Structures are given as C-alpha cells and as structure tokens.
Amino acid sequence: MSEAALIDNIIPRADIVKRAARVGAEIRNITLSGDLPDLTIAAINRLLLEHKVLFFRDQGHLDDVEHERFAVRFGRLVPHPMLGAMKGTASMIELDSARAASRADLWHSDGTFVDAYPKIAVLRGVVIPAFGGDTVWSNTATAYLDLPASLRRLADELWAVHSNAFDYAVMARGSEADKKHFDEVFTRTVYETEHPVVRVHPETGERTLVLGDVVQRFVGIPKYDGRRLFDLFQSHITAPENTVRWTWREGDVAIWDNRATQHYAVNDYGDQHRVVRRATIDGEVPVSTDGRSSVTRITTGKEPSAKVAQR
C-alpha cells in the first residue's frame, strides 16, 4: 500500500464530520499530542489542506507546552512580530477579552503585514463564555473561484499593501489605555508589505485571495476605486455560503490554513470573559500568478502612507 493510501486510512471517514459545504470539518476520536505518529500528523495536514480549518473537541489535557509540541509537528514555530511570545513558549500568544483590542472582530488572515506570514495557526479555547464568542472562518480559494472570469483576471494582476498600523482605536472601543498600549507596542515598528491579491498555494496549487482588514491600499489604484475594489473582492470572501462558524467549548482546538482562509472572532458576549491561546507556524513568502514574490518595507517610528481600505 502506498504512503498516500496509508495516510487516507489513518483517520476513519466516519470521524471526519463536515461543518459546512465549502470549509471546515470536525475530527472526532483523536487526542492531540506532540507524540502522535508521523502518519497521523500527515493525515491531519492532508485534511487541513482539503477543509482549510479543522476542529477538535475535548482537548482539555493540552497545556501551553503540549500545545506547542503538537503545533511544531507542522513546521517551525514563529513568535508574533510585535507581541513576541508568552514566557516559556516559542510562539504562543494569549487573546484575553479583558483587553478590548484582543477582541479581533474584523476579517483577517494572521500577520499579513509581513511577507512570510504564518502558514498554520493552532488555537485553543481556555476560558469560554456561556454564550457568544464564536469564530467564523472563510475559504479564500472558493471565493476566488466564485469571481466572474473577468474579475479573476483583474485580481490576478493586482497587488495590495498590508500594514499593522491600521486604526486600532476602533478595536480599542474608546479605551485610552488600550489605545496607548497599541500605539506603543503595535506601531513601535510599522510594517508595510506588498502582497499579490492572488497567491498560488505552495502545497495545493490553488489560487487564494490575500486581503482582509489590514489592507491599506492597492498598488497603482486611486483611493476611490481601491475602496470599491476591496469591498467587491472581500464580499466574496465573507459571503455566508463561503464560511463556517464554530461555537467554542473549553478545551477545543481549531487549526487553520492561514494561506487559504480569513477569520473573524464574533464580539457578541458582552462583559463575559473569553481567553484563547494561539501557536503559529512559519509560512512562505507568497508568490503571485506570474511568479513574483511579496516584498516587505519596514519603517520605524512613523505612520505609513495614506490608508485606502481602512476599516
């Protein structure tokens, strides 16, 4: 039996439950661990490429160390460019709703303000509110295929500038302390990166849209036209039929292909407490349909150029 056939038999089809037609599957009857056999890791990776985001219930045995021991099986762990990593970890960050700007209720792929942004993220539910706090993912490969042929050709040619210096005051919900924190931490170094609007996925060959709410402008496109182009392409990414919504329980783990998805943490849980922790795996520099690679510019201590698609 070939290795591919062995991998396909590692996780029974009965344990793979699709959560939506285009994106997302729950994998049952598996205990995540850094000690899983290589073929099991390969099977999870293959399912991840197929479904874009995978969900695992009842993984409460994971602590930060074991969380990262599992995550590193998919590649090199990488810390957040501005936040670094939690003490004693290589890549872990904590998103705690006690800090308003940690409520990431905007559509994005993680870290696209740098060139080689993470390829995979592994998120664990630590404290989950009694209601609300779901996360929604979208499939940026099927979004691309949904575009009319003429718009696909246009998207193939476009480049967009992504930056970490977008309007964090919106996320801070009017909190001066949170705004000060993000001014000091998130824009201490301002990143601007030019990405192709369409990248070729290095493992599947699919074409995926690279956008989200950290996009500042399109290269060579006037502000007025750029804003409308952004809204047009982004509307295909976030169309309900192109998404999956996950209702968290403590101990749940979600793994997603950050090269082929965007996600949105729904801020509908009021003043309840919500804590999730994320490990990230280093990615590749995106390559456009004509073979060009993304380019990062780094500017310290000043704002980037005028914003076009600011949210």
Protein backbone atom coordinates (compact mmCIF):
# COMPACT_ATOMS: atom_id res chain seq x y z
CA MET A 1 0.00 0.00 0.00
CA SER A 2 1.31 3.45 -0.93
CA GLU A 3 2.07 6.09 1.71
CA ALA A 4 -0.83 8.19 0.38
CA ALA A 5 -3.23 5.29 0.84
CA LEU A 6 -1.87 4.66 4.35
CA ILE A 7 -2.44 8.30 5.26
CA ASP A 8 -6.00 8.18 3.95
CA ASN A 9 -6.71 5.21 6.24
CA ILE A 10 -5.26 6.73 9.43
CA ILE A 11 -8.37 8.74 10.34
CA PRO A 12 -11.62 6.90 9.52
CA ARG A 13 -14.01 8.79 7.29
CA ALA A 14 -16.71 8.30 9.92
CA ASP A 15 -14.64 10.50 12.25
CA ILE A 16 -14.46 13.37 9.73
CA VAL A 17 -17.62 15.47 10.02
CA LYS A 18 -18.00 18.38 7.62
CA ARG A 19 -19.30 21.52 9.29
CA ALA A 20 -20.11 23.40 6.08
CA ALA A 21 -20.03 22.57 2.39
CA ARG A 22 -17.03 24.71 1.46
CA VAL A 23 -14.91 24.97 4.59
CA GLY A 24 -14.43 23.30 7.95
CA ALA A 25 -14.50 19.77 9.36
CA GLU A 26 -14.63 18.38 12.88
CA ILE A 27 -12.26 15.48 13.55
CA ARG A 28 -13.51 13.13 16.25
CA ASN A 29 -11.95 10.41 18.40
CA ILE A 30 -8.41 11.74 18.36
CA THR A 31 -6.29 13.02 21.26
CA LEU A 32 -3.88 15.73 20.13
CA SER A 33 -0.32 15.36 21.35
CA GLY A 34 3.24 16.08 20.36
CA ASP A 35 3.76 12.31 20.35
CA LEU A 36 1.31 11.47 17.57
CA PRO A 37 2.81 9.22 14.86
CA ASP A 38 4.14 10.88 11.71
CA LEU A 39 1.41 9.32 9.58
CA THR A 40 -1.28 10.78 11.85
CA ILE A 41 0.27 14.25 11.53
CA ALA A 42 0.43 13.75 7.75
CA ALA A 43 -3.25 12.73 7.73
CA ILE A 44 -4.24 15.84 9.72
CA ASN A 45 -2.22 18.03 7.35
CA ARG A 46 -3.90 16.44 4.32
CA LEU A 47 -7.34 17.05 5.82
CA LEU A 48 -6.32 20.61 6.65
CA LEU A 49 -5.42 21.29 3.01
CA GLU A 50 -8.78 19.87 1.96
CA HIS A 51 -11.07 21.52 4.54
CA LYS A 52 -8.95 24.65 5.38
CA VAL A 53 -9.93 24.58 9.09
CA LEU A 54 -10.19 21.56 11.43
CA PHE A 55 -11.91 21.39 14.82
CA PHE A 56 -11.12 19.05 17.72
CA ARG A 57 -13.36 18.85 20.80
CA ASP A 58 -12.31 17.83 24.31
CA GLN A 59 -8.58 18.57 24.22
CA GLY A 60 -8.50 19.92 27.77
CA HIS A 61 -5.40 17.86 28.54
CA LEU A 62 -3.30 20.32 26.49
CA ASP A 63 -1.27 22.91 28.35
CA ASP A 64 0.92 25.53 26.65
CA VAL A 65 3.90 23.18 26.39
CA GLU A 66 1.95 20.30 24.88
CA HIS A 67 0.04 22.72 22.65
CA GLU A 68 3.32 23.84 21.10
CA ARG A 69 4.74 20.28 21.00
CA PHE A 70 1.78 19.40 18.80
CA ALA A 71 1.94 22.58 16.70
CA VAL A 72 5.65 22.24 15.91
CA ARG A 73 4.94 18.95 14.13
CA PHE A 74 3.61 21.09 11.24
CA GLY A 75 6.64 23.36 10.91
CA ARG A 76 8.81 25.93 12.67
CA LEU A 77 7.11 27.90 15.43
CA VAL A 78 7.31 31.67 14.97
CA PRO A 79 6.58 34.43 17.53
CA HIS A 80 4.30 37.37 16.84
CA PRO A 81 6.32 40.18 15.15
CA MET A 82 5.28 42.79 17.75
CA LEU A 83 3.97 40.87 20.76
CA GLY A 84 6.67 38.23 20.81
CA ALA A 85 5.66 35.05 22.68
CA MET A 86 4.42 34.21 26.16
CA LYS A 87 7.17 33.44 28.66
CA GLY A 88 8.42 29.88 28.30
CA THR A 89 6.97 29.42 24.79
CA ALA A 90 8.30 29.84 21.26
CA SER A 91 5.21 31.32 19.61
CA MET A 92 2.24 31.37 21.97
CA ILE A 93 0.15 34.49 22.39
CA GLU A 94 -2.90 34.95 24.59
CA LEU A 95 -6.01 36.77 23.40
CA ASP A 96 -7.81 37.88 26.55
CA SER A 97 -11.09 39.76 26.24
CA ALA A 98 -10.16 41.79 29.33
CA ARG A 99 -8.10 43.86 26.89
CA ALA A 100 -10.66 45.24 24.46
CA ALA A 101 -8.36 45.21 21.43
CA SER A 102 -7.90 41.43 21.82
CA ARG A 103 -11.47 41.07 20.55
CA ALA A 104 -10.38 40.62 16.94
CA ASP A 105 -13.77 41.18 15.35
CA LEU A 106 -12.50 42.05 11.91
CA TRP A 107 -11.89 39.85 8.89
CA HIS A 108 -8.22 38.99 8.51
CA SER A 109 -5.56 36.39 7.91
CA ASP A 110 -2.96 36.39 10.67
CA GLY A 111 0.15 38.51 10.17
CA THR A 112 -0.24 39.57 6.54
CA PHE A 113 1.58 42.84 7.27
CA VAL A 114 4.83 40.83 6.93
CA ASP A 115 5.96 38.91 3.87
CA ALA A 116 6.27 35.30 5.10
CA TYR A 117 3.17 35.39 7.31
CA PRO A 118 2.19 32.22 9.24
CA LYS A 119 1.00 29.26 7.22
CA ILE A 120 -0.86 27.49 10.04
CA ALA A 121 -2.36 28.59 13.34
CA VAL A 122 -3.37 26.33 16.24
CA LEU A 123 -5.89 27.95 18.60
CA ARG A 124 -7.03 26.55 21.97
CA GLY A 125 -10.06 27.58 24.00
CA VAL A 126 -9.00 28.34 27.60
CA VAL A 127 -11.88 30.39 29.06
CA ILE A 128 -15.11 30.34 27.05
CA PRO A 129 -18.19 32.49 27.80
CA ALA A 130 -21.56 30.89 28.48
CA PHE A 131 -22.87 32.35 25.22
CA GLY A 132 -21.36 34.08 22.20
CA GLY A 133 -17.68 34.30 21.31
CA ASP A 134 -17.86 32.09 18.21
CA THR A 135 -15.23 32.30 15.48
CA VAL A 136 -16.08 32.36 11.77
CA TRP A 137 -13.70 31.23 9.01
CA SER A 138 -13.95 31.77 5.26
CA ASN A 139 -12.40 29.93 2.33
CA THR A 140 -10.38 32.31 0.15
CA ALA A 141 -9.81 29.67 -2.55
CA THR A 142 -13.51 29.11 -3.26
CA ALA A 143 -14.03 32.88 -3.00
CA TYR A 144 -11.57 33.30 -5.87
CA LEU A 145 -13.36 30.66 -7.94
CA ASP A 146 -16.67 32.44 -7.35
CA LEU A 147 -15.42 35.56 -9.09
CA PRO A 148 -16.52 36.03 -12.72
CA ALA A 149 -13.68 35.22 -15.11
CA SER A 150 -13.03 38.90 -15.90
CA LEU A 151 -12.71 39.74 -12.17
CA ARG A 152 -10.39 36.76 -11.62
CA ARG A 153 -8.11 38.14 -14.35
CA LEU A 154 -8.17 41.55 -12.69
CA ALA A 155 -7.43 40.08 -9.25
CA ASP A 156 -4.52 38.10 -10.70
CA GLU A 157 -2.85 41.38 -11.70
CA LEU A 158 -3.47 43.40 -8.53
CA TRP A 159 -1.15 43.98 -5.57
CA ALA A 160 -2.17 45.38 -2.19
CA VAL A 161 -0.28 46.99 0.69
CA HIS A 162 -0.89 45.45 4.14
CA SER A 163 0.18 47.18 7.37
CA ASN A 164 -0.01 46.69 11.13
CA ALA A 165 -0.67 50.44 11.57
CA PHE A 166 -4.37 50.47 10.81
CA ASP A 167 -6.87 52.14 13.13
CA TYR A 168 -6.50 50.17 16.37
CA ALA A 169 -8.60 52.83 18.14
CA VAL A 170 -11.61 51.17 16.52
CA MET A 171 -10.68 47.88 18.19
CA ALA A 172 -9.97 49.59 21.50
CA ARG A 173 -13.61 50.69 21.75
CA GLY A 174 -12.66 54.10 23.11
CA SER A 175 -10.31 52.80 25.85
CA GLU A 176 -7.40 55.20 26.22
CA ALA A 177 -5.32 52.53 28.00
CA ASP A 178 -5.78 50.05 25.14
CA LYS A 179 -5.09 52.70 22.51
CA LYS A 180 -1.88 53.69 24.33
CA HIS A 181 -0.84 50.02 24.53
CA PHE A 182 -1.29 49.51 20.80
CA ASP A 183 0.40 52.79 19.94
CA GLU A 184 3.42 51.70 21.99
CA VAL A 185 3.51 48.01 21.07
CA PHE A 186 1.89 47.51 17.69
CA THR A 187 3.33 50.53 15.89
CA ARG A 188 6.72 50.65 17.56
CA THR A 189 7.80 49.20 14.22
CA VAL A 190 5.47 49.83 11.30
CA TYR A 191 5.38 47.07 8.71
CA GLU A 192 4.17 47.60 5.16
CA THR A 193 4.13 44.66 2.80
CA GLU A 194 3.08 44.42 -0.81
CA HIS A 195 1.27 41.14 -1.46
CA PRO A 196 -0.32 39.87 -4.65
CA VAL A 197 -4.10 39.92 -4.27
CA VAL A 198 -3.95 36.34 -5.57
CA ARG A 199 -1.27 33.95 -4.35
CA VAL A 200 -0.58 30.42 -5.54
CA HIS A 201 -0.84 27.98 -2.63
CA PRO A 202 2.55 26.22 -2.33
CA GLU A 203 1.06 22.82 -1.42
CA THR A 204 -2.22 22.60 -3.34
CA GLY A 205 -1.58 24.89 -6.31
CA GLU A 206 -4.90 26.65 -5.62
CA ARG A 207 -5.25 30.38 -6.16
CA THR A 208 -6.33 32.17 -2.98
CA LEU A 209 -7.25 35.79 -2.29
CA VAL A 210 -4.92 37.70 0.06
CA LEU A 211 -6.92 40.59 1.52
CA GLY A 212 -8.56 41.36 4.89
CA ASP A 213 -8.94 44.44 7.05
CA VAL A 214 -5.22 45.24 7.37
CA VAL A 215 -5.13 46.16 3.68
CA GLN A 216 -4.29 49.86 3.30
CA ARG A 217 -4.45 50.37 -0.44
CA PHE A 218 -4.00 48.77 -3.85
CA VAL A 219 -0.77 49.48 -5.71
CA GLY A 220 -1.36 51.89 -8.58
CA ILE A 221 -5.12 52.23 -7.95
CA PRO A 222 -6.69 55.56 -6.88
CA LYS A 223 -8.26 55.70 -3.41
CA TYR A 224 -11.89 55.90 -4.61
CA ASP A 225 -11.58 52.90 -6.95
CA GLY A 226 -9.45 50.94 -4.49
CA ARG A 227 -12.04 51.12 -1.73
CA ARG A 228 -14.72 49.73 -4.03
CA LEU A 229 -12.49 47.01 -5.40
CA PHE A 230 -11.63 45.95 -1.87
CA ASP A 231 -15.32 45.77 -0.89
CA LEU A 232 -16.15 43.78 -4.04
CA PHE A 233 -13.46 41.12 -3.54
CA GLN A 234 -13.91 40.96 0.23
CA SER A 235 -17.67 40.43 -0.17
CA HIS A 236 -16.96 37.16 -1.99
CA ILE A 237 -14.61 36.05 0.79
CA THR A 238 -17.14 36.71 3.55
CA ALA A 239 -20.31 35.53 1.76
CA PRO A 240 -22.20 33.32 4.27
CA GLU A 241 -22.15 30.27 1.98
CA ASN A 242 -18.35 30.52 1.94
CA THR A 243 -17.96 30.38 5.75
CA VAL A 244 -18.13 28.08 8.76
CA ARG A 245 -18.94 29.14 12.33
CA TRP A 246 -17.55 27.35 15.39
CA THR A 247 -19.16 27.52 18.84
CA TRP A 248 -16.34 27.05 21.33
CA ARG A 249 -16.16 24.90 24.43
CA GLU A 250 -13.23 24.97 26.85
CA GLY A 251 -10.52 22.62 25.62
CA ASP A 252 -11.48 22.88 21.95
CA VAL A 253 -8.70 23.26 19.37
CA ALA A 254 -9.02 24.78 15.91
CA ILE A 255 -6.29 24.50 13.28
CA TRP A 256 -6.47 26.52 10.08
CA ASP A 257 -4.54 27.05 6.88
CA ASN A 258 -3.80 30.76 7.15
CA ARG A 259 -2.82 30.87 3.46
CA ALA A 260 -6.33 29.91 2.32
CA THR A 261 -8.64 31.41 4.94
CA GLN A 262 -9.70 34.55 6.74
CA HIS A 263 -11.35 34.54 10.16
CA TYR A 264 -13.44 36.76 12.43
CA ALA A 265 -13.94 36.48 16.21
CA VAL A 266 -17.53 37.46 16.92
CA ASN A 267 -17.74 40.07 19.70
CA ASP A 268 -21.22 39.20 20.99
CA TYR A 269 -20.51 38.02 24.55
CA GLY A 270 -20.74 41.31 26.41
CA ASP A 271 -18.61 41.60 29.55
CA GLN A 272 -18.09 37.84 29.90
CA HIS A 273 -14.50 36.60 29.99
CA ARG A 274 -13.00 34.88 26.94
CA VAL A 275 -9.40 33.64 26.67
CA VAL A 276 -7.85 31.72 23.77
CA ARG A 277 -4.19 30.93 23.12
CA ARG A 278 -2.58 30.56 19.72
CA ALA A 279 0.58 28.97 18.37
CA THR A 280 1.71 29.83 14.85
CA ILE A 281 3.83 28.03 12.27
CA ASP A 282 6.14 29.98 9.98
CA GLY A 283 4.99 30.42 6.40
CA GLU A 284 6.41 31.02 2.96
CA VAL A 285 6.64 34.31 1.09
CA PRO A 286 3.59 34.38 -1.20
CA VAL A 287 4.12 34.04 -4.94
CA SER A 288 1.80 35.67 -7.46
CA THR A 289 0.28 34.01 -10.51
CA ASP A 290 3.14 35.42 -12.62
CA GLY A 291 5.86 34.22 -10.23
CA ARG A 292 6.67 37.43 -8.33
CA SER A 293 7.15 37.36 -4.55
CA SER A 294 5.75 39.62 -1.82
CA VAL A 295 8.00 42.43 -0.54
CA THR A 296 8.12 43.98 2.95
CA ARG A 297 9.17 47.53 3.78
CA ILE A 298 9.82 48.36 7.46
CA THR A 299 9.54 51.93 8.74
CA THR A 300 10.28 52.67 12.39
CA GLY A 301 8.61 55.44 14.35
CA LYS A 302 6.26 56.95 11.79
CA GLU A 303 2.89 56.28 10.27
CA PRO A 304 2.62 54.52 6.89
CA SER A 305 1.27 56.25 3.82
CA ALA A 306 -2.40 57.15 3.32
CA LYS A 307 -4.92 54.44 4.07
CA VAL A 308 -7.46 53.44 1.45
CA ALA A 309 -9.28 50.34 2.65
CA GLN A 310 -9.21 51.25 6.33
CA ARG A 311 -11.97 49.76 8.44
